């Protein structure tokens, strides 16, 4: 168990290092993109590009939130938090969804006002189109970069950050279409593009919020995962059946409660040995398991 604890700590340190690297890369890139989009929006007289710049600015704050959340979640258990700090990742994701909802709502309301007012929009310059294209390529690259680390470490916060990057790429596509339409003489396309950007942002905010809540309310690990746990338990010598299996998510980690059936004639020591084998097999096979409790029942005994 000591080796397992050391390995877990090493994984947490590796995750924290990777998350810090991702957050720094994201923040630096978004600072550059925000300045580029804002300058292009002002110089090329593009409301859609200015809205897109505001979205990129929110990415800077989201990077800070993810960085802080990951650092807290990686802390070892203490007296106040004996089960660890993993759920702080969910808190970071919830804060990120709130920021996205605020940004999307503000952009959407302003876009509707522009459409309703019916005022003629100034034709945007070519610089706005170039900025939108650069943003699409950059943000989509950041999405795959961040998503790769999120999948490797099963990180809620990094997963939320990756989709935030994707939402910015999608919003830049909307800006590109709107700016192109406005340059072809359809001026209303600019505020419509801003409204579409707002919808993309709000959709991502809802997705991040729902995923974070699922992990904070003891949601199960899923049928496929539980089937895999059950199969591993049944493969261990001495296990005659699995009578109960419950899982719950704790941040991005899994808690498991398992009741197995064994020969009722076994000694206490032998039954305990079977339980330990099941415990170690599941923990070693599935690194996402944070804790597992195995209880042994006598086989063929009807339980109340």
C-alpha atoms as a PDB file:
ATOM      1  CA  UNK A   1       0.000   0.000   0.000  1.00  0.00           C
ATOM      2  CA  UNK A   2       2.957   2.292   0.633  1.00  0.00           C
ATOM      3  CA  UNK A   3       4.166   1.787  -2.961  1.00  0.00           C
ATOM      4  CA  UNK A   4       0.661   2.588  -4.170  1.00  0.00           C
ATOM      5  CA  UNK A   5       0.664   5.824  -2.113  1.00  0.00           C
ATOM      6  CA  UNK A   6       4.052   6.860  -3.531  1.00  0.00           C
ATOM      7  CA  UNK A   7       2.890   6.113  -7.074  1.00  0.00           C
ATOM      8  CA  UNK A   8      -0.290   8.132  -6.554  1.00  0.00           C
ATOM      9  CA  UNK A   9       1.708  11.078  -5.238  1.00  0.00           C
ATOM     10  CA  UNK A  10       4.038  10.888  -8.249  1.00  0.00           C
ATOM     11  CA  UNK A  11       1.028  10.867 -10.581  1.00  0.00           C
ATOM     12  CA  UNK A  12      -0.400  13.915  -8.822  1.00  0.00           C
ATOM     13  CA  UNK A  13       2.908  15.769  -9.178  1.00  0.00           C
ATOM     14  CA  UNK A  14       3.127  14.852 -12.872  1.00  0.00           C
ATOM     15  CA  UNK A  15      -0.460  16.003 -13.379  1.00  0.00           C
ATOM     16  CA  UNK A  16       0.172  19.306 -11.605  1.00  0.00           C
ATOM     17  CA  UNK A  17       3.256  19.948 -13.753  1.00  0.00           C
ATOM     18  CA  UNK A  18       1.349  19.140 -16.954  1.00  0.00           C
ATOM     19  CA  UNK A  19      -1.655  21.248 -15.950  1.00  0.00           C
ATOM     20  CA  UNK A  20       0.582  24.209 -15.117  1.00  0.00           C
ATOM     21  CA  UNK A  21       2.275  23.903 -18.519  1.00  0.00           C
ATOM     22  CA  UNK A  22      -1.099  23.744 -20.319  1.00  0.00           C
ATOM     23  CA  UNK A  23      -2.467  26.721 -18.383  1.00  0.00           C
ATOM     24  CA  UNK A  24       0.608  28.884 -19.052  1.00  0.00           C
ATOM     25  CA  UNK A  25       0.600  28.041 -22.784  1.00  0.00           C
ATOM     26  CA  UNK A  26      -3.125  28.774 -22.928  1.00  0.00           C
ATOM     27  CA  UNK A  27      -2.881  32.100 -21.093  1.00  0.00           C
ATOM     28  CA  UNK A  28       0.069  33.396 -23.133  1.00  0.00           C
ATOM     29  CA  UNK A  29      -1.624  32.399 -26.394  1.00  0.00           C
ATOM     30  CA  UNK A  30      -4.909  33.985 -25.349  1.00  0.00           C
ATOM     31  CA  UNK A  31      -3.246  37.239 -24.327  1.00  0.00           C
ATOM     32  CA  UNK A  32      -1.690  37.493 -27.799  1.00  0.00           C
ATOM     33  CA  UNK A  33      -4.962  36.511 -29.506  1.00  0.00           C
ATOM     34  CA  UNK A  34      -7.025  38.961 -27.443  1.00  0.00           C
ATOM     35  CA  UNK A  35      -4.760  41.860 -28.372  1.00  0.00           C
ATOM     36  CA  UNK A  36      -4.733  40.771 -32.044  1.00  0.00           C
ATOM     37  CA  UNK A  37      -8.525  40.449 -32.235  1.00  0.00           C
ATOM     38  CA  UNK A  38      -9.173  43.681 -30.357  1.00  0.00           C
ATOM     39  CA  UNK A  39      -6.772  45.622 -32.596  1.00  0.00           C
ATOM     40  CA  UNK A  40      -8.261  44.032 -35.722  1.00  0.00           C
ATOM     41  CA  UNK A  41     -11.804  44.733 -34.514  1.00  0.00           C
ATOM     42  CA  UNK A  42     -11.086  48.410 -33.837  1.00  0.00           C
ATOM     43  CA  UNK A  43      -8.972  49.043 -36.935  1.00  0.00           C
ATOM     44  CA  UNK A  44     -11.277  47.074 -39.281  1.00  0.00           C
ATOM     45  CA  UNK A  45     -14.475  48.376 -37.615  1.00  0.00           C
ATOM     46  CA  UNK A  46     -15.764  44.874 -36.806  1.00  0.00           C
ATOM     47  CA  UNK A  47     -18.199  44.412 -33.918  1.00  0.00           C
ATOM     48  CA  UNK A  48     -18.087  40.632 -34.331  1.00  0.00           C
ATOM     49  CA  UNK A  49     -14.306  40.589 -33.973  1.00  0.00           C
ATOM     50  CA  UNK A  50     -14.488  42.772 -30.859  1.00  0.00           C
ATOM     51  CA  UNK A  51     -17.011  40.299 -29.391  1.00  0.00           C
ATOM     52  CA  UNK A  52     -14.634  37.478 -30.244  1.00  0.00           C
ATOM     53  CA  UNK A  53     -11.824  39.374 -28.509  1.00  0.00           C
ATOM     54  CA  UNK A  54     -13.947  39.570 -25.346  1.00  0.00           C
ATOM     55  CA  UNK A  55     -14.413  35.792 -25.532  1.00  0.00           C
ATOM     56  CA  UNK A  56     -10.650  35.278 -25.808  1.00  0.00           C
ATOM     57  CA  UNK A  57     -10.125  37.610 -22.852  1.00  0.00           C
ATOM     58  CA  UNK A  58     -12.350  35.319 -20.763  1.00  0.00           C
ATOM     59  CA  UNK A  59      -9.984  32.468 -21.658  1.00  0.00           C
ATOM     60  CA  UNK A  60      -7.186  34.256 -19.802  1.00  0.00           C
ATOM     61  CA  UNK A  61      -9.195  34.257 -16.570  1.00  0.00           C
ATOM     62  CA  UNK A  62     -10.306  30.668 -17.153  1.00  0.00           C
ATOM     63  CA  UNK A  63      -6.659  29.630 -17.393  1.00  0.00           C
ATOM     64  CA  UNK A  64      -6.005  31.172 -13.988  1.00  0.00           C
ATOM     65  CA  UNK A  65      -9.030  29.415 -12.504  1.00  0.00           C
ATOM     66  CA  UNK A  66      -7.933  26.046 -13.908  1.00  0.00           C
ATOM     67  CA  UNK A  67      -4.378  26.558 -12.631  1.00  0.00           C
ATOM     68  CA  UNK A  68      -5.554  27.394  -9.105  1.00  0.00           C
ATOM     69  CA  UNK A  69      -8.131  24.588  -9.080  1.00  0.00           C
ATOM     70  CA  UNK A  70      -5.606  21.973 -10.199  1.00  0.00           C
ATOM     71  CA  UNK A  71      -3.036  23.073  -7.620  1.00  0.00           C
ATOM     72  CA  UNK A  72      -5.585  22.771  -4.796  1.00  0.00           C
ATOM     73  CA  UNK A  73      -6.980  19.443  -6.060  1.00  0.00           C
ATOM     74  CA  UNK A  74      -3.467  17.951  -6.188  1.00  0.00           C
ATOM     75  CA  UNK A  75      -2.832  18.549  -2.474  1.00  0.00           C
ATOM     76  CA  UNK A  76      -2.516  15.472  -0.279  1.00  0.00           C
ATOM     77  CA  UNK A  77      -5.352  14.594   2.159  1.00  0.00           C
ATOM     78  CA  UNK A  78      -5.240  16.456   5.460  1.00  0.00           C
ATOM     79  CA  UNK A  79      -7.211  16.590   8.701  1.00  0.00           C
ATOM     80  CA  UNK A  80      -9.878  18.874   7.223  1.00  0.00           C
ATOM     81  CA  UNK A  81     -10.097  16.950   3.928  1.00  0.00           C
ATOM     82  CA  UNK A  82      -9.338  13.283   4.763  1.00  0.00           C
ATOM     83  CA  UNK A  83     -10.618  12.113   1.361  1.00  0.00           C
ATOM     84  CA  UNK A  84      -8.405  14.506  -0.588  1.00  0.00           C
ATOM     85  CA  UNK A  85      -9.097  17.651  -2.596  1.00  0.00           C
ATOM     86  CA  UNK A  86     -10.076  16.300  -6.031  1.00  0.00           C
ATOM     87  CA  UNK A  87     -13.488  17.985  -6.010  1.00  0.00           C
ATOM     88  CA  UNK A  88     -11.821  21.395  -6.135  1.00  0.00           C
ATOM     89  CA  UNK A  89     -11.346  20.616  -9.838  1.00  0.00           C
ATOM     90  CA  UNK A  90     -15.127  20.528 -10.113  1.00  0.00           C
ATOM     91  CA  UNK A  91     -15.341  23.867  -8.306  1.00  0.00           C
ATOM     92  CA  UNK A  92     -12.908  25.329 -10.856  1.00  0.00           C
ATOM     93  CA  UNK A  93     -15.040  23.944 -13.700  1.00  0.00           C
ATOM     94  CA  UNK A  94     -18.202  25.453 -12.161  1.00  0.00           C
ATOM     95  CA  UNK A  95     -16.525  28.873 -11.892  1.00  0.00           C
ATOM     96  CA  UNK A  96     -15.406  28.556 -15.507  1.00  0.00           C
ATOM     97  CA  UNK A  97     -18.958  27.745 -16.646  1.00  0.00           C
ATOM     98  CA  UNK A  98     -20.225  30.815 -14.769  1.00  0.00           C
ATOM     99  CA  UNK A  99     -17.711  33.094 -16.503  1.00  0.00           C
ATOM    100  CA  UNK A 100     -18.651  31.629 -19.887  1.00  0.00           C
ATOM    101  CA  UNK A 101     -22.370  32.111 -19.210  1.00  0.00           C
ATOM    102  CA  UNK A 102     -21.787  35.754 -18.237  1.00  0.00           C
ATOM    103  CA  UNK A 103     -19.649  36.450 -21.325  1.00  0.00           C
ATOM    104  CA  UNK A 104     -22.077  34.663 -23.661  1.00  0.00           C
ATOM    105  CA  UNK A 105     -25.116  36.404 -22.175  1.00  0.00           C
ATOM    106  CA  UNK A 106     -23.538  39.850 -22.480  1.00  0.00           C
ATOM    107  CA  UNK A 107     -22.487  39.315 -26.098  1.00  0.00           C
ATOM    108  CA  UNK A 108     -25.917  37.883 -26.975  1.00  0.00           C
ATOM    109  CA  UNK A 109     -27.867  40.781 -25.459  1.00  0.00           C
ATOM    110  CA  UNK A 110     -25.717  43.380 -27.229  1.00  0.00           C
ATOM    111  CA  UNK A 111     -26.080  41.519 -30.531  1.00  0.00           C
ATOM    112  CA  UNK A 112     -29.878  41.450 -30.240  1.00  0.00           C
ATOM    113  CA  UNK A 113     -29.905  45.178 -29.485  1.00  0.00           C
ATOM    114  CA  UNK A 114     -27.876  45.867 -32.645  1.00  0.00           C
ATOM    115  CA  UNK A 115     -30.209  43.754 -34.791  1.00  0.00           C
ATOM    116  CA  UNK A 116     -33.354  45.357 -33.336  1.00  0.00           C
ATOM    117  CA  UNK A 117     -31.991  48.897 -33.666  1.00  0.00           C
ATOM    118  CA  UNK A 118     -31.577  48.369 -37.406  1.00  0.00           C
ATOM    119  CA  UNK A 119     -28.712  50.851 -37.590  1.00  0.00           C
ATOM    120  CA  UNK A 120     -26.453  50.478 -40.610  1.00  0.00           C
ATOM    121  CA  UNK A 121     -23.218  48.739 -39.725  1.00  0.00           C
ATOM    122  CA  UNK A 122     -19.895  49.963 -41.062  1.00  0.00           C
ATOM    123  CA  UNK A 123     -18.324  47.519 -43.526  1.00  0.00           C
ATOM    124  CA  UNK A 124     -15.485  45.655 -41.738  1.00  0.00           C
ATOM    125  CA  UNK A 125     -12.003  45.605 -43.248  1.00  0.00           C
ATOM    126  CA  UNK A 126     -10.010  42.627 -44.487  1.00  0.00           C
ATOM    127  CA  UNK A 127      -7.876  42.651 -41.309  1.00  0.00           C
ATOM    128  CA  UNK A 128     -10.876  41.325 -39.348  1.00  0.00           C
ATOM    129  CA  UNK A 129     -11.149  38.344 -41.701  1.00  0.00           C
ATOM    130  CA  UNK A 130      -7.449  37.559 -41.293  1.00  0.00           C
ATOM    131  CA  UNK A 131      -7.698  37.769 -37.497  1.00  0.00           C
ATOM    132  CA  UNK A 132     -10.693  35.396 -37.500  1.00  0.00           C
ATOM    133  CA  UNK A 133      -8.827  32.839 -39.618  1.00  0.00           C
ATOM    134  CA  UNK A 134      -5.751  33.001 -37.377  1.00  0.00           C
ATOM    135  CA  UNK A 135      -7.975  32.562 -34.315  1.00  0.00           C
ATOM    136  CA  UNK A 136      -9.719  29.477 -35.723  1.00  0.00           C
ATOM    137  CA  UNK A 137      -6.459  27.661 -36.431  1.00  0.00           C
ATOM    138  CA  UNK A 138      -4.834  28.674 -33.138  1.00  0.00           C
ATOM    139  CA  UNK A 139      -7.786  27.832 -30.871  1.00  0.00           C
ATOM    140  CA  UNK A 140      -8.473  24.491 -32.544  1.00  0.00           C
ATOM    141  CA  UNK A 141      -4.801  23.581 -32.032  1.00  0.00           C
ATOM    142  CA  UNK A 142      -5.081  24.571 -28.366  1.00  0.00           C
ATOM    143  CA  UNK A 143      -8.245  22.446 -28.041  1.00  0.00           C
ATOM    144  CA  UNK A 144      -6.477  19.250 -29.164  1.00  0.00           C
ATOM    145  CA  UNK A 145      -3.383  20.101 -27.107  1.00  0.00           C
ATOM    146  CA  UNK A 146      -5.371  20.625 -23.892  1.00  0.00           C
ATOM    147  CA  UNK A 147      -7.738  17.720 -24.566  1.00  0.00           C
ATOM    148  CA  UNK A 148      -4.781  15.359 -24.883  1.00  0.00           C
ATOM    149  CA  UNK A 149      -3.636  16.163 -21.335  1.00  0.00           C
ATOM    150  CA  UNK A 150      -7.239  16.099 -20.039  1.00  0.00           C
ATOM    151  CA  UNK A 151      -7.705  12.540 -21.330  1.00  0.00           C
ATOM    152  CA  UNK A 152      -4.310  11.379 -20.065  1.00  0.00           C
ATOM    153  CA  UNK A 153      -5.005  12.536 -16.495  1.00  0.00           C
ATOM    154  CA  UNK A 154      -8.844  12.339 -16.586  1.00  0.00           C
ATOM    155  CA  UNK A 155      -8.996  15.951 -15.441  1.00  0.00           C
ATOM    156  CA  UNK A 156     -12.372  17.683 -15.161  1.00  0.00           C
ATOM    157  CA  UNK A 157     -10.815  21.142 -15.111  1.00  0.00           C
ATOM    158  CA  UNK A 158      -8.577  20.529 -18.145  1.00  0.00           C
ATOM    159  CA  UNK A 159     -11.496  18.959 -20.006  1.00  0.00           C
ATOM    160  CA  UNK A 160     -13.549  22.095 -19.322  1.00  0.00           C
ATOM    161  CA  UNK A 161     -10.647  24.282 -20.440  1.00  0.00           C
ATOM    162  CA  UNK A 162     -10.275  22.290 -23.681  1.00  0.00           C
ATOM    163  CA  UNK A 163     -13.926  22.832 -24.577  1.00  0.00           C
ATOM    164  CA  UNK A 164     -13.536  26.491 -23.715  1.00  0.00           C
ATOM    165  CA  UNK A 165     -10.807  26.603 -26.377  1.00  0.00           C
ATOM    166  CA  UNK A 166     -13.092  24.794 -28.842  1.00  0.00           C
ATOM    167  CA  UNK A 167     -15.906  27.287 -28.125  1.00  0.00           C
ATOM    168  CA  UNK A 168     -13.532  30.119 -29.057  1.00  0.00           C
ATOM    169  CA  UNK A 169     -12.650  28.374 -32.330  1.00  0.00           C
ATOM    170  CA  UNK A 170     -16.347  27.931 -33.132  1.00  0.00           C
ATOM    171  CA  UNK A 171     -17.119  31.536 -32.252  1.00  0.00           C
ATOM    172  CA  UNK A 172     -14.325  32.682 -34.575  1.00  0.00           C
ATOM    173  CA  UNK A 173     -15.960  30.674 -37.368  1.00  0.00           C
ATOM    174  CA  UNK A 174     -19.174  32.584 -36.678  1.00  0.00           C
ATOM    175  CA  UNK A 175     -17.232  35.844 -36.732  1.00  0.00           C
ATOM    176  CA  UNK A 176     -15.578  34.870 -40.028  1.00  0.00           C
ATOM    177  CA  UNK A 177     -18.955  34.193 -41.654  1.00  0.00           C
ATOM    178  CA  UNK A 178     -20.484  37.379 -40.269  1.00  0.00           C
ATOM    179  CA  UNK A 179     -17.572  39.555 -41.355  1.00  0.00           C
ATOM    180  CA  UNK A 180     -17.557  37.995 -44.832  1.00  0.00           C
ATOM    181  CA  UNK A 181     -21.312  38.607 -45.148  1.00  0.00           C
ATOM    182  CA  UNK A 182     -20.970  42.208 -44.027  1.00  0.00           C
ATOM    183  CA  UNK A 183     -18.195  42.780 -46.557  1.00  0.00           C
ATOM    184  CA  UNK A 184     -20.567  41.497 -49.256  1.00  0.00           C
ATOM    185  CA  UNK A 185     -23.090  44.174 -48.306  1.00  0.00           C
ATOM    186  CA  UNK A 186     -25.268  42.308 -45.771  1.00  0.00           C
ATOM    187  CA  UNK A 187     -24.463  44.491 -42.756  1.00  0.00           C
ATOM    188  CA  UNK A 188     -26.840  42.691 -40.389  1.00  0.00           C
ATOM    189  CA  UNK A 189     -24.593  39.604 -40.658  1.00  0.00           C
ATOM    190  CA  UNK A 190     -22.153  41.141 -38.148  1.00  0.00           C
ATOM    191  CA  UNK A 191     -24.545  41.325 -35.151  1.00  0.00           C
ATOM    192  CA  UNK A 192     -26.075  37.982 -36.192  1.00  0.00           C
ATOM    193  CA  UNK A 193     -22.568  36.494 -36.074  1.00  0.00           C
ATOM    194  CA  UNK A 194     -22.107  37.958 -32.583  1.00  0.00           C
ATOM    195  CA  UNK A 195     -25.376  36.326 -31.499  1.00  0.00           C
ATOM    196  CA  UNK A 196     -24.245  32.964 -32.888  1.00  0.00           C
ATOM    197  CA  UNK A 197     -20.980  33.367 -30.970  1.00  0.00           C
ATOM    198  CA  UNK A 198     -23.018  33.924 -27.797  1.00  0.00           C
ATOM    199  CA  UNK A 199     -25.014  30.726 -28.398  1.00  0.00           C
ATOM    200  CA  UNK A 200     -21.816  28.698 -28.828  1.00  0.00           C
ATOM    201  CA  UNK A 201     -20.412  30.121 -25.593  1.00  0.00           C
ATOM    202  CA  UNK A 202     -23.620  29.417 -23.633  1.00  0.00           C
ATOM    203  CA  UNK A 203     -23.801  25.862 -24.980  1.00  0.00           C
ATOM    204  CA  UNK A 204     -20.276  25.118 -23.778  1.00  0.00           C
ATOM    205  CA  UNK A 205     -21.048  26.740 -20.396  1.00  0.00           C
ATOM    206  CA  UNK A 206     -24.019  24.390 -19.915  1.00  0.00           C
ATOM    207  CA  UNK A 207     -21.960  21.354 -20.913  1.00  0.00           C
ATOM    208  CA  UNK A 208     -19.150  22.189 -18.487  1.00  0.00           C
ATOM    209  CA  UNK A 209     -21.647  22.919 -15.689  1.00  0.00           C
ATOM    210  CA  UNK A 210     -23.481  19.610 -16.198  1.00  0.00           C
ATOM    211  CA  UNK A 211     -20.253  17.546 -16.241  1.00  0.00           C
ATOM    212  CA  UNK A 212     -18.963  19.221 -13.068  1.00  0.00           C
ATOM    213  CA  UNK A 213     -22.254  18.730 -11.203  1.00  0.00           C
ATOM    214  CA  UNK A 214     -22.329  15.040 -12.167  1.00  0.00           C
ATOM    215  CA  UNK A 215     -18.963  14.570 -10.485  1.00  0.00           C
ATOM    216  CA  UNK A 216     -19.987  16.440  -7.334  1.00  0.00           C
ATOM    217  CA  UNK A 217     -23.199  14.537  -6.570  1.00  0.00           C
ATOM    218  CA  UNK A 218     -21.817  10.983  -6.322  1.00  0.00           C
ATOM    219  CA  UNK A 219     -22.693  10.078  -9.891  1.00  0.00           C
ATOM    220  CA  UNK A 220     -21.791   6.466 -10.748  1.00  0.00           C
ATOM    221  CA  UNK A 221     -18.706   5.660 -12.807  1.00  0.00           C
ATOM    222  CA  UNK A 222     -20.937   4.210 -15.550  1.00  0.00           C
ATOM    223  CA  UNK A 223     -22.097   0.762 -16.602  1.00  0.00           C
ATOM    224  CA  UNK A 224     -19.021  -0.059 -18.709  1.00  0.00           C
ATOM    225  CA  UNK A 225     -16.641   0.792 -15.874  1.00  0.00           C
ATOM    226  CA  UNK A 226     -18.637  -1.212 -13.331  1.00  0.00           C
ATOM    227  CA  UNK A 227     -18.738  -4.210 -15.692  1.00  0.00           C
ATOM    228  CA  UNK A 228     -14.934  -4.055 -15.957  1.00  0.00           C
ATOM    229  CA  UNK A 229     -14.599  -3.939 -12.145  1.00  0.00           C
ATOM    230  CA  UNK A 230     -16.936  -6.902 -11.794  1.00  0.00           C
ATOM    231  CA  UNK A 231     -14.963  -8.921 -14.373  1.00  0.00           C
ATOM    232  CA  UNK A 232     -11.654  -8.241 -12.616  1.00  0.00           C
ATOM    233  CA  UNK A 233     -13.110  -9.281  -9.246  1.00  0.00           C
ATOM    234  CA  UNK A 234     -14.492 -12.548 -10.640  1.00  0.00           C
ATOM    235  CA  UNK A 235     -11.104 -13.409 -12.154  1.00  0.00           C
ATOM    236  CA  UNK A 236      -9.465 -13.574  -8.707  1.00  0.00           C
ATOM    237  CA  UNK A 237      -8.983 -17.042  -7.121  1.00  0.00           C
ATOM    238  CA  UNK A 238     -11.573 -17.836  -4.455  1.00  0.00           C
ATOM    239  CA  UNK A 239     -14.221 -15.354  -5.651  1.00  0.00           C
ATOM    240  CA  UNK A 240     -17.468 -17.276  -6.233  1.00  0.00           C
ATOM    241  CA  UNK A 241     -19.613 -14.268  -7.163  1.00  0.00           C
ATOM    242  CA  UNK A 242     -20.127 -10.521  -6.966  1.00  0.00           C
ATOM    243  CA  UNK A 243     -23.227  -9.748  -4.886  1.00  0.00           C
ATOM    244  CA  UNK A 244     -23.012  -5.964  -4.760  1.00  0.00           C
ATOM    245  CA  UNK A 245     -21.076  -3.315  -6.668  1.00  0.00           C
ATOM    246  CA  UNK A 246     -21.498   0.426  -6.190  1.00  0.00           C
ATOM    247  CA  UNK A 247     -19.325   3.214  -7.585  1.00  0.00           C
ATOM    248  CA  UNK A 248     -19.293   6.963  -7.164  1.00  0.00           C
ATOM    249  CA  UNK A 249     -17.216   9.706  -8.706  1.00  0.00           C
ATOM    250  CA  UNK A 250     -15.123  11.888  -6.421  1.00  0.00           C
ATOM    251  CA  UNK A 251     -13.890  14.643  -8.705  1.00  0.00           C
ATOM    252  CA  UNK A 252     -12.098  12.707 -11.437  1.00  0.00           C
ATOM    253  CA  UNK A 253     -11.466   9.633  -9.246  1.00  0.00           C
ATOM    254  CA  UNK A 254     -13.658   6.614  -8.414  1.00  0.00           C
ATOM    255  CA  UNK A 255     -14.771   5.150  -5.083  1.00  0.00           C
ATOM    256  CA  UNK A 256     -15.855   1.484  -5.118  1.00  0.00           C
ATOM    257  CA  UNK A 257     -17.956  -0.540  -2.641  1.00  0.00           C
ATOM    258  CA  UNK A 258     -17.856  -4.246  -3.432  1.00  0.00           C
ATOM    259  CA  UNK A 259     -19.377  -7.362  -1.833  1.00  0.00           C
ATOM    260  CA  UNK A 260     -18.050 -10.707  -3.030  1.00  0.00           C
ATOM    261  CA  UNK A 261     -19.087 -14.284  -2.235  1.00  0.00           C
ATOM    262  CA  UNK A 262     -16.579 -16.901  -1.035  1.00  0.00           C
ATOM    263  CA  UNK A 263     -16.559 -20.444   0.399  1.00  0.00           C
ATOM    264  CA  UNK A 264     -18.265 -20.261   3.838  1.00  0.00           C
ATOM    265  CA  UNK A 265     -15.816 -22.883   5.200  1.00  0.00           C
ATOM    266  CA  UNK A 266     -12.785 -20.639   4.729  1.00  0.00           C
ATOM    267  CA  UNK A 267     -10.906 -19.302   7.738  1.00  0.00           C
ATOM    268  CA  UNK A 268     -11.079 -15.577   8.468  1.00  0.00           C
ATOM    269  CA  UNK A 269      -7.479 -15.198   7.312  1.00  0.00           C
ATOM    270  CA  UNK A 270      -8.178 -16.961   3.988  1.00  0.00           C
ATOM    271  CA  UNK A 271     -11.297 -14.858   3.332  1.00  0.00           C
ATOM    272  CA  UNK A 272      -9.333 -11.722   4.141  1.00  0.00           C
ATOM    273  CA  UNK A 273      -6.639 -12.816   1.664  1.00  0.00           C
ATOM    274  CA  UNK A 274      -9.230 -13.114  -1.108  1.00  0.00           C
ATOM    275  CA  UNK A 275     -10.539  -9.633  -0.316  1.00  0.00           C
ATOM    276  CA  UNK A 276      -7.007  -8.225  -0.462  1.00  0.00           C
ATOM    277  CA  UNK A 277      -6.378  -9.845  -3.855  1.00  0.00           C
ATOM    278  CA  UNK A 278      -9.567  -8.311  -5.251  1.00  0.00           C
ATOM    279  CA  UNK A 279      -8.708  -4.930  -3.712  1.00  0.00           C
ATOM    280  CA  UNK A 280      -5.160  -4.892  -5.152  1.00  0.00           C
ATOM    281  CA  UNK A 281      -6.208  -6.225  -8.581  1.00  0.00           C
ATOM    282  CA  UNK A 282      -8.778  -3.477  -9.116  1.00  0.00           C
ATOM    283  CA  UNK A 283      -6.540  -0.680  -7.803  1.00  0.00           C
ATOM    284  CA  UNK A 284      -3.579  -1.804  -9.927  1.00  0.00           C
ATOM    285  CA  UNK A 285      -5.646  -2.376 -13.072  1.00  0.00           C
ATOM    286  CA  UNK A 286      -7.623   0.869 -12.867  1.00  0.00           C
ATOM    287  CA  UNK A 287      -5.486   3.873 -11.772  1.00  0.00           C
ATOM    288  CA  UNK A 288      -8.609   6.076 -11.578  1.00  0.00           C
ATOM    289  CA  UNK A 289      -9.777   4.152  -8.485  1.00  0.00           C
ATOM    290  CA  UNK A 290      -9.026   6.273  -5.417  1.00  0.00           C
ATOM    291  CA  UNK A 291     -10.447   3.881  -2.811  1.00  0.00           C
ATOM    292  CA  UNK A 292     -12.111   0.459  -2.769  1.00  0.00           C
ATOM    293  CA  UNK A 293     -13.836  -1.336   0.097  1.00  0.00           C
ATOM    294  CA  UNK A 294     -14.253  -5.122  -0.310  1.00  0.00           C
ATOM    295  CA  UNK A 295     -16.625  -7.108   1.943  1.00  0.00           C
ATOM    296  CA  UNK A 296     -16.731 -10.922   1.881  1.00  0.00           C
ATOM    297  CA  UNK A 297     -20.055 -12.805   2.212  1.00  0.00           C
ATOM    298  CA  UNK A 298     -20.425 -16.597   2.612  1.00  0.00           C
ATOM    299  CA  UNK A 299     -21.600 -18.064  -0.690  1.00  0.00           C
ATOM    300  CA  UNK A 300     -25.092 -19.572  -1.033  1.00  0.00           C
ATOM    301  CA  UNK A 301     -26.351 -17.852   2.109  1.00  0.00           C
ATOM    302  CA  UNK A 302     -29.537 -15.876   1.599  1.00  0.00           C
ATOM    303  CA  UNK A 303     -28.932 -12.388   2.871  1.00  0.00           C
ATOM    304  CA  UNK A 304     -31.540 -10.046   4.222  1.00  0.00           C
END
